[in-house]
Amino acid sequence: MNFNKDMLLLYAVTDRSNICNLTLYEQIEMALQGGVTCLQLREKNLSEDEFVSEAVKVKELCLRYNVPLIINDNADVAVKSGADGVHVGIEDTPVDELRKKLPKGFIIGATAKTIEQAKAAEKAGADYIGVGAVFPSTTKTNAIRITHNELQQICSAVSIPAVAIGGINYDNIDELKGGGMEGVAVVSAIFSADDIYTATMHLKEKAKAVTNK
């Protein structure tokens, strides 16, 4: 799947800890029905074989909705499962190394918390950057916060698109307006919602407003 910045508008990141009455697969399908534009599958406690097996099923689901599937941190799982891309953190495999070994057109996203990191990711060949945490996060409680001004500076320092991440929900997303990002990445505000479909629809409308789309 060819990457374009519109895919970043509402970028959902899965969180298995939020599974309650629904399976993760069911949660993902409701989010896709609600309008997420990109899905990142994040698994920290599965074996690689289990991760690949799950990713294959989720990829089939994403194909039905024409939404790219990005795998968190694990490029091997991304390739084996037929996913569209991988997202790596600052301490993970460097983007330039991944770009050399991954198939042509494979989407690579990278985390950036500073202008220097953003520029380095762009130079290394990243397609987009994830910038944050813009708010306190329940998913990553030790995440370093960045200010609105820092978000704006990082986004404007590079030509590749950026997605804001970290504690974003329906009540605070409006504060990101003018930040310069192409979209927002959301975890709990979607996957912890009582009604995932409706929560996703409402977040998508808010995401359009704060990114002027």
C-alpha atoms as a PDB file:
ATOM      1  CA  MET A   1       0.000   0.000   0.000  1.00  0.00           C
ATOM      2  CA  ASN A   2       1.431   3.368  -1.022  1.00  0.00           C
ATOM      3  CA  PHE A   3       1.830   5.770   1.862  1.00  0.00           C
ATOM      4  CA  ASN A   4       0.181   9.163   1.902  1.00  0.00           C
ATOM      5  CA  LYS A   5      -0.211  11.656   4.725  1.00  0.00           C
ATOM      6  CA  ASP A   6      -4.016  11.323   4.826  1.00  0.00           C
ATOM      7  CA  MET A   7      -3.526   7.876   6.350  1.00  0.00           C
ATOM      8  CA  LEU A   8      -2.364   9.561   9.550  1.00  0.00           C
ATOM      9  CA  LEU A   9      -5.583  11.484  10.286  1.00  0.00           C
ATOM     10  CA  LEU A  10      -6.866   9.046  12.927  1.00  0.00           C
ATOM     11  CA  TYR A  11      -4.140   6.549  13.742  1.00  0.00           C
ATOM     12  CA  ALA A  12      -5.297   3.857  16.178  1.00  0.00           C
ATOM     13  CA  VAL A  13      -2.785   1.953  18.319  1.00  0.00           C
ATOM     14  CA  THR A  14      -4.025  -1.269  19.901  1.00  0.00           C
ATOM     15  CA  ASP A  15      -3.708  -2.033  23.588  1.00  0.00           C
ATOM     16  CA  ARG A  16      -4.443  -5.579  24.725  1.00  0.00           C
ATOM     17  CA  SER A  17      -4.813  -4.453  28.357  1.00  0.00           C
ATOM     18  CA  ASN A  18      -8.122  -2.827  27.424  1.00  0.00           C
ATOM     19  CA  ILE A  19      -9.747  -6.068  26.261  1.00  0.00           C
ATOM     20  CA  CYS A  20     -12.883  -6.762  28.286  1.00  0.00           C
ATOM     21  CA  ASN A  21     -16.021  -8.274  26.779  1.00  0.00           C
ATOM     22  CA  LEU A  22     -14.748  -8.111  23.198  1.00  0.00           C
ATOM     23  CA  THR A  23     -11.797  -9.808  21.558  1.00  0.00           C
ATOM     24  CA  LEU A  24      -9.022  -7.598  20.200  1.00  0.00           C
ATOM     25  CA  TYR A  25     -10.124  -8.564  16.697  1.00  0.00           C
ATOM     26  CA  GLU A  26     -13.683  -7.406  17.432  1.00  0.00           C
ATOM     27  CA  GLN A  27     -12.394  -4.139  18.915  1.00  0.00           C
ATOM     28  CA  ILE A  28     -10.274  -3.495  15.835  1.00  0.00           C
ATOM     29  CA  GLU A  29     -13.166  -4.130  13.491  1.00  0.00           C
ATOM     30  CA  MET A  30     -15.371  -1.673  15.378  1.00  0.00           C
ATOM     31  CA  ALA A  31     -12.611   0.952  15.180  1.00  0.00           C
ATOM     32  CA  LEU A  32     -12.247   0.351  11.440  1.00  0.00           C
ATOM     33  CA  GLN A  33     -15.993   0.668  10.992  1.00  0.00           C
ATOM     34  CA  GLY A  34     -15.849   3.924  12.950  1.00  0.00           C
ATOM     35  CA  GLY A  35     -13.303   5.381  10.545  1.00  0.00           C
ATOM     36  CA  VAL A  36      -9.709   4.940  11.715  1.00  0.00           C
ATOM     37  CA  THR A  37      -7.345   5.689   8.840  1.00  0.00           C
ATOM     38  CA  CYS A  38      -4.322   3.697  10.038  1.00  0.00           C
ATOM     39  CA  LEU A  39      -3.926   0.865  12.529  1.00  0.00           C
ATOM     40  CA  GLN A  40      -0.827   0.018  14.538  1.00  0.00           C
ATOM     41  CA  LEU A  41      -0.778  -3.435  16.085  1.00  0.00           C
ATOM     42  CA  ARG A  42       1.147  -3.258  19.358  1.00  0.00           C
ATOM     43  CA  GLU A  43       1.989  -6.462  21.223  1.00  0.00           C
ATOM     44  CA  LYS A  44       4.689  -6.618  23.891  1.00  0.00           C
ATOM     45  CA  ASN A  45       3.994 -10.031  25.426  1.00  0.00           C
ATOM     46  CA  LEU A  46       3.326 -12.394  22.525  1.00  0.00           C
ATOM     47  CA  SER A  47       5.869 -14.741  21.016  1.00  0.00           C
ATOM     48  CA  GLU A  48       6.926 -13.873  17.476  1.00  0.00           C
ATOM     49  CA  ASP A  49       4.892 -16.761  16.037  1.00  0.00           C
ATOM     50  CA  GLU A  50       1.801 -15.638  17.957  1.00  0.00           C
ATOM     51  CA  PHE A  51       2.372 -12.052  16.874  1.00  0.00           C
ATOM     52  CA  VAL A  52       2.690 -13.064  13.217  1.00  0.00           C
ATOM     53  CA  SER A  53      -0.442 -15.221  13.388  1.00  0.00           C
ATOM     54  CA  GLU A  54      -2.441 -12.389  14.910  1.00  0.00           C
ATOM     55  CA  ALA A  55      -1.056  -9.841  12.455  1.00  0.00           C
ATOM     56  CA  VAL A  56      -2.042 -11.991   9.458  1.00  0.00           C
ATOM     57  CA  LYS A  57      -5.667 -12.005  10.645  1.00  0.00           C
ATOM     58  CA  VAL A  58      -5.650  -8.282  11.392  1.00  0.00           C
ATOM     59  CA  LYS A  59      -4.090  -7.542   7.983  1.00  0.00           C
ATOM     60  CA  GLU A  60      -6.962  -9.367   6.265  1.00  0.00           C
ATOM     61  CA  LEU A  61      -9.382  -7.249   8.267  1.00  0.00           C
ATOM     62  CA  CYS A  62      -7.582  -3.998   7.446  1.00  0.00           C
ATOM     63  CA  LEU A  63      -7.633  -4.879   3.749  1.00  0.00           C
ATOM     64  CA  ARG A  64     -11.432  -4.921   3.804  1.00  0.00           C
ATOM     65  CA  TYR A  65     -11.412  -1.302   4.950  1.00  0.00           C
ATOM     66  CA  ASN A  66      -8.424  -0.219   2.838  1.00  0.00           C
ATOM     67  CA  VAL A  67      -6.544   0.823   5.971  1.00  0.00           C
ATOM     68  CA  PRO A  68      -2.782   0.255   6.332  1.00  0.00           C
ATOM     69  CA  LEU A  69      -1.521  -2.044   9.059  1.00  0.00           C
ATOM     70  CA  ILE A  70       1.614  -0.940  10.886  1.00  0.00           C
ATOM     71  CA  ILE A  71       3.436  -3.265  13.283  1.00  0.00           C
ATOM     72  CA  ASN A  72       4.942  -1.787  16.428  1.00  0.00           C
ATOM     73  CA  ASP A  73       8.708  -2.280  16.801  1.00  0.00           C
ATOM     74  CA  ASN A  74       9.031  -5.664  15.069  1.00  0.00           C
ATOM     75  CA  ALA A  75      10.088  -5.477  11.403  1.00  0.00           C
ATOM     76  CA  ASP A  76      10.333  -9.278  11.106  1.00  0.00           C
ATOM     77  CA  VAL A  77       6.707  -9.684  12.171  1.00  0.00           C
ATOM     78  CA  ALA A  78       5.705  -6.904   9.785  1.00  0.00           C
ATOM     79  CA  VAL A  79       7.310  -8.622   6.802  1.00  0.00           C
ATOM     80  CA  LYS A  80       6.209 -12.158   7.678  1.00  0.00           C
ATOM     81  CA  SER A  81       2.599 -11.108   8.204  1.00  0.00           C
ATOM     82  CA  GLY A  82       2.323  -9.031   5.048  1.00  0.00           C
ATOM     83  CA  ALA A  83       1.726  -5.823   7.000  1.00  0.00           C
ATOM     84  CA  ASP A  84       2.175  -2.474   5.294  1.00  0.00           C
ATOM     85  CA  GLY A  85       4.800  -1.050   7.607  1.00  0.00           C
ATOM     86  CA  VAL A  86       6.570  -0.852  10.928  1.00  0.00           C
ATOM     87  CA  HIS A  87       6.902   1.864  13.562  1.00  0.00           C
ATOM     88  CA  VAL A  88      10.087   2.054  15.607  1.00  0.00           C
ATOM     89  CA  GLY A  89      10.958   3.912  18.769  1.00  0.00           C
ATOM     90  CA  ILE A  90      14.090   5.906  19.460  1.00  0.00           C
ATOM     91  CA  GLU A  91      15.879   2.919  20.997  1.00  0.00           C
ATOM     92  CA  ASP A  92      14.771   0.364  18.389  1.00  0.00           C
ATOM     93  CA  THR A  93      16.444  -0.650  15.116  1.00  0.00           C
ATOM     94  CA  PRO A  94      17.585   2.523  13.279  1.00  0.00           C
ATOM     95  CA  VAL A  95      15.442   3.624  10.358  1.00  0.00           C
ATOM     96  CA  ASP A  96      18.322   3.630   7.869  1.00  0.00           C
ATOM     97  CA  GLU A  97      19.088  -0.008   8.673  1.00  0.00           C
ATOM     98  CA  LEU A  98      15.446  -0.961   8.209  1.00  0.00           C
ATOM     99  CA  ARG A  99      15.203   0.948   4.944  1.00  0.00           C
ATOM    100  CA  LYS A 100      18.104  -1.072   3.530  1.00  0.00           C
ATOM    101  CA  LYS A 101      16.571  -4.448   4.297  1.00  0.00           C
ATOM    102  CA  LEU A 102      12.826  -3.898   4.001  1.00  0.00           C
ATOM    103  CA  PRO A 103      10.921  -4.203   0.703  1.00  0.00           C
ATOM    104  CA  LYS A 104      10.597  -1.142  -1.493  1.00  0.00           C
ATOM    105  CA  GLY A 105       7.578   0.935  -0.551  1.00  0.00           C
ATOM    106  CA  PHE A 106       7.410  -0.480   2.968  1.00  0.00           C
ATOM    107  CA  ILE A 107       6.105   2.183   5.366  1.00  0.00           C
ATOM    108  CA  ILE A 108       8.457   3.143   8.180  1.00  0.00           C
ATOM    109  CA  GLY A 109       7.385   5.393  11.020  1.00  0.00           C
ATOM    110  CA  ALA A 110       9.702   6.688  13.735  1.00  0.00           C
ATOM    111  CA  THR A 111       9.230   8.298  17.125  1.00  0.00           C
ATOM    112  CA  ALA A 112      10.642  11.809  17.580  1.00  0.00           C
ATOM    113  CA  LYS A 113      10.638  13.878  20.753  1.00  0.00           C
ATOM    114  CA  THR A 114      13.020  16.595  19.564  1.00  0.00           C
ATOM    115  CA  ILE A 115      13.781  18.528  16.394  1.00  0.00           C
ATOM    116  CA  GLU A 116      17.084  16.680  16.117  1.00  0.00           C
ATOM    117  CA  GLN A 117      15.403  13.286  16.295  1.00  0.00           C
ATOM    118  CA  ALA A 118      12.814  14.348  13.722  1.00  0.00           C
ATOM    119  CA  LYS A 119      15.468  15.535  11.285  1.00  0.00           C
ATOM    120  CA  ALA A 120      17.493  12.359  11.809  1.00  0.00           C
ATOM    121  CA  ALA A 121      14.425  10.197  11.118  1.00  0.00           C
ATOM    122  CA  GLU A 122      13.686  12.095   7.930  1.00  0.00           C
ATOM    123  CA  LYS A 123      17.288  11.830   6.739  1.00  0.00           C
ATOM    124  CA  ALA A 124      17.310   8.101   7.499  1.00  0.00           C
ATOM    125  CA  GLY A 125      14.272   7.520   5.301  1.00  0.00           C
ATOM    126  CA  ALA A 126      11.243   7.531   7.599  1.00  0.00           C
ATOM    127  CA  ASP A 127       7.877   8.118   5.940  1.00  0.00           C
ATOM    128  CA  TYR A 128       6.377   9.816   8.984  1.00  0.00           C
ATOM    129  CA  ILE A 129       7.153  10.619  12.604  1.00  0.00           C
ATOM    130  CA  GLY A 130       5.155  10.125  15.777  1.00  0.00           C
ATOM    131  CA  VAL A 131       5.600  13.120  18.079  1.00  0.00           C
ATOM    132  CA  GLY A 132       4.817  13.094  21.786  1.00  0.00           C
ATOM    133  CA  ALA A 133       3.765  12.570  24.429  1.00  0.00           C
ATOM    134  CA  VAL A 134       1.558  15.611  23.994  1.00  0.00           C
ATOM    135  CA  PHE A 135      -0.505  14.794  27.120  1.00  0.00           C
ATOM    136  CA  PRO A 136      -0.011  12.494  30.126  1.00  0.00           C
ATOM    137  CA  SER A 137      -0.424   8.928  28.906  1.00  0.00           C
ATOM    138  CA  THR A 138      -2.014   6.010  30.738  1.00  0.00           C
ATOM    139  CA  THR A 139      -0.348   3.628  28.274  1.00  0.00           C
ATOM    140  CA  LYS A 140       3.197   4.923  28.796  1.00  0.00           C
ATOM    141  CA  THR A 141       3.291   6.517  32.228  1.00  0.00           C
ATOM    142  CA  ASN A 142       7.002   7.365  31.949  1.00  0.00           C
ATOM    143  CA  ALA A 143       6.667   9.096  28.567  1.00  0.00           C
ATOM    144  CA  ILE A 144       8.393  12.461  28.277  1.00  0.00           C
ATOM    145  CA  ARG A 145       5.897  15.291  27.730  1.00  0.00           C
ATOM    146  CA  ILE A 146       6.335  17.898  25.012  1.00  0.00           C
ATOM    147  CA  THR A 147       4.601  21.262  24.889  1.00  0.00           C
ATOM    148  CA  HIS A 148       2.327  22.533  22.143  1.00  0.00           C
ATOM    149  CA  ASN A 149       5.103  24.867  21.043  1.00  0.00           C
ATOM    150  CA  GLU A 150       7.568  21.974  20.846  1.00  0.00           C
ATOM    151  CA  LEU A 151       5.057  19.952  18.811  1.00  0.00           C
ATOM    152  CA  GLN A 152       4.723  22.838  16.387  1.00  0.00           C
ATOM    153  CA  GLN A 153       8.489  23.280  16.093  1.00  0.00           C
ATOM    154  CA  ILE A 154       9.134  19.581  15.489  1.00  0.00           C
ATOM    155  CA  CYS A 155       6.403  19.292  12.864  1.00  0.00           C
ATOM    156  CA  SER A 156       7.661  22.355  10.990  1.00  0.00           C
ATOM    157  CA  ALA A 157      11.310  21.219  11.113  1.00  0.00           C
ATOM    158  CA  VAL A 158      10.773  18.367   8.643  1.00  0.00           C
ATOM    159  CA  SER A 159       9.015  17.811   5.338  1.00  0.00           C
ATOM    160  CA  ILE A 160       7.676  14.362   6.219  1.00  0.00           C
ATOM    161  CA  PRO A 161       4.272  14.313   7.972  1.00  0.00           C
ATOM    162  CA  ALA A 162       3.865  13.949  11.725  1.00  0.00           C
ATOM    163  CA  VAL A 163       1.230  12.429  13.957  1.00  0.00           C
ATOM    164  CA  ALA A 164       0.773  13.619  17.545  1.00  0.00           C
ATOM    165  CA  ILE A 165       0.582  10.913  20.194  1.00  0.00           C
ATOM    166  CA  GLY A 166       0.239  10.550  23.938  1.00  0.00           C
ATOM    167  CA  GLY A 167      -2.877  10.727  26.087  1.00  0.00           C
ATOM    168  CA  ILE A 168      -5.066  12.194  23.336  1.00  0.00           C
ATOM    169  CA  ASN A 169      -8.809  11.910  23.910  1.00  0.00           C
ATOM    170  CA  TYR A 170     -12.073  13.580  22.930  1.00  0.00           C
ATOM    171  CA  ASP A 171     -11.834  16.169  25.708  1.00  0.00           C
ATOM    172  CA  ASN A 172      -8.277  17.394  25.064  1.00  0.00           C
ATOM    173  CA  ILE A 173      -7.772  16.929  21.328  1.00  0.00           C
ATOM    174  CA  ASP A 174      -8.914  20.505  20.609  1.00  0.00           C
ATOM    175  CA  GLU A 175      -5.799  21.785  22.408  1.00  0.00           C
ATOM    176  CA  LEU A 176      -3.661  20.398  19.577  1.00  0.00           C
ATOM    177  CA  LYS A 177      -5.075  22.776  16.981  1.00  0.00           C
ATOM    178  CA  GLY A 178      -2.282  24.637  15.226  1.00  0.00           C
ATOM    179  CA  GLY A 179       0.290  22.009  16.159  1.00  0.00           C
ATOM    180  CA  GLY A 180       1.198  21.338  12.546  1.00  0.00           C
ATOM    181  CA  MET A 181       0.591  17.570  12.633  1.00  0.00           C
ATOM    182  CA  GLU A 182      -1.269  15.662   9.928  1.00  0.00           C
ATOM    183  CA  GLY A 183      -3.155  13.498  12.397  1.00  0.00           C
ATOM    184  CA  VAL A 184      -3.492  12.095  15.897  1.00  0.00           C
ATOM    185  CA  ALA A 185      -2.589   8.691  17.286  1.00  0.00           C
ATOM    186  CA  VAL A 186      -5.025   7.347  19.852  1.00  0.00           C
ATOM    187  CA  VAL A 187      -4.950   4.320  22.143  1.00  0.00           C
ATOM    188  CA  SER A 188      -7.248   4.331  25.167  1.00  0.00           C
ATOM    189  CA  ALA A 189      -9.726   6.886  23.813  1.00  0.00           C
ATOM    190  CA  ILE A 190     -10.700   4.261  21.249  1.00  0.00           C
ATOM    191  CA  PHE A 191      -9.950   0.869  22.763  1.00  0.00           C
ATOM    192  CA  SER A 192     -11.147   1.671  26.294  1.00  0.00           C
ATOM    193  CA  ALA A 193     -14.378   3.261  25.078  1.00  0.00           C
ATOM    194  CA  ASP A 194     -17.704   1.652  25.963  1.00  0.00           C
ATOM    195  CA  ASP A 195     -18.801   2.181  22.362  1.00  0.00           C
ATOM    196  CA  ILE A 196     -15.702   1.940  20.179  1.00  0.00           C
ATOM    197  CA  TYR A 197     -17.534   2.623  16.934  1.00  0.00           C
ATOM    198  CA  THR A 198     -19.136   5.855  18.135  1.00  0.00           C
ATOM    199  CA  ALA A 199     -16.017   7.037  19.971  1.00  0.00           C
ATOM    200  CA  THR A 200     -13.985   6.551  16.804  1.00  0.00           C
ATOM    201  CA  MET A 201     -16.462   8.475  14.659  1.00  0.00           C
ATOM    202  CA  HIS A 202     -16.436  11.429  17.049  1.00  0.00           C
ATOM    203  CA  LEU A 203     -12.645  11.427  17.341  1.00  0.00           C
ATOM    204  CA  LYS A 204     -12.304  11.424  13.569  1.00  0.00           C
ATOM    205  CA  GLU A 205     -14.449  14.539  13.268  1.00  0.00           C
ATOM    206  CA  LYS A 206     -12.352  16.244  15.952  1.00  0.00           C
ATOM    207  CA  ALA A 207      -9.139  15.133  14.199  1.00  0.00           C
ATOM    208  CA  LYS A 208     -10.346  16.769  10.978  1.00  0.00           C
ATOM    209  CA  ALA A 209     -11.009  19.991  12.860  1.00  0.00           C
ATOM    210  CA  VAL A 210      -7.623  20.222  14.586  1.00  0.00           C
ATOM    211  CA  THR A 211      -5.726  19.416  11.386  1.00  0.00           C
ATOM    212  CA  ASN A 212      -7.891  21.708   9.225  1.00  0.00           C
ATOM    213  CA  LYS A 213      -9.133  18.894   6.982  1.00  0.00           C
END
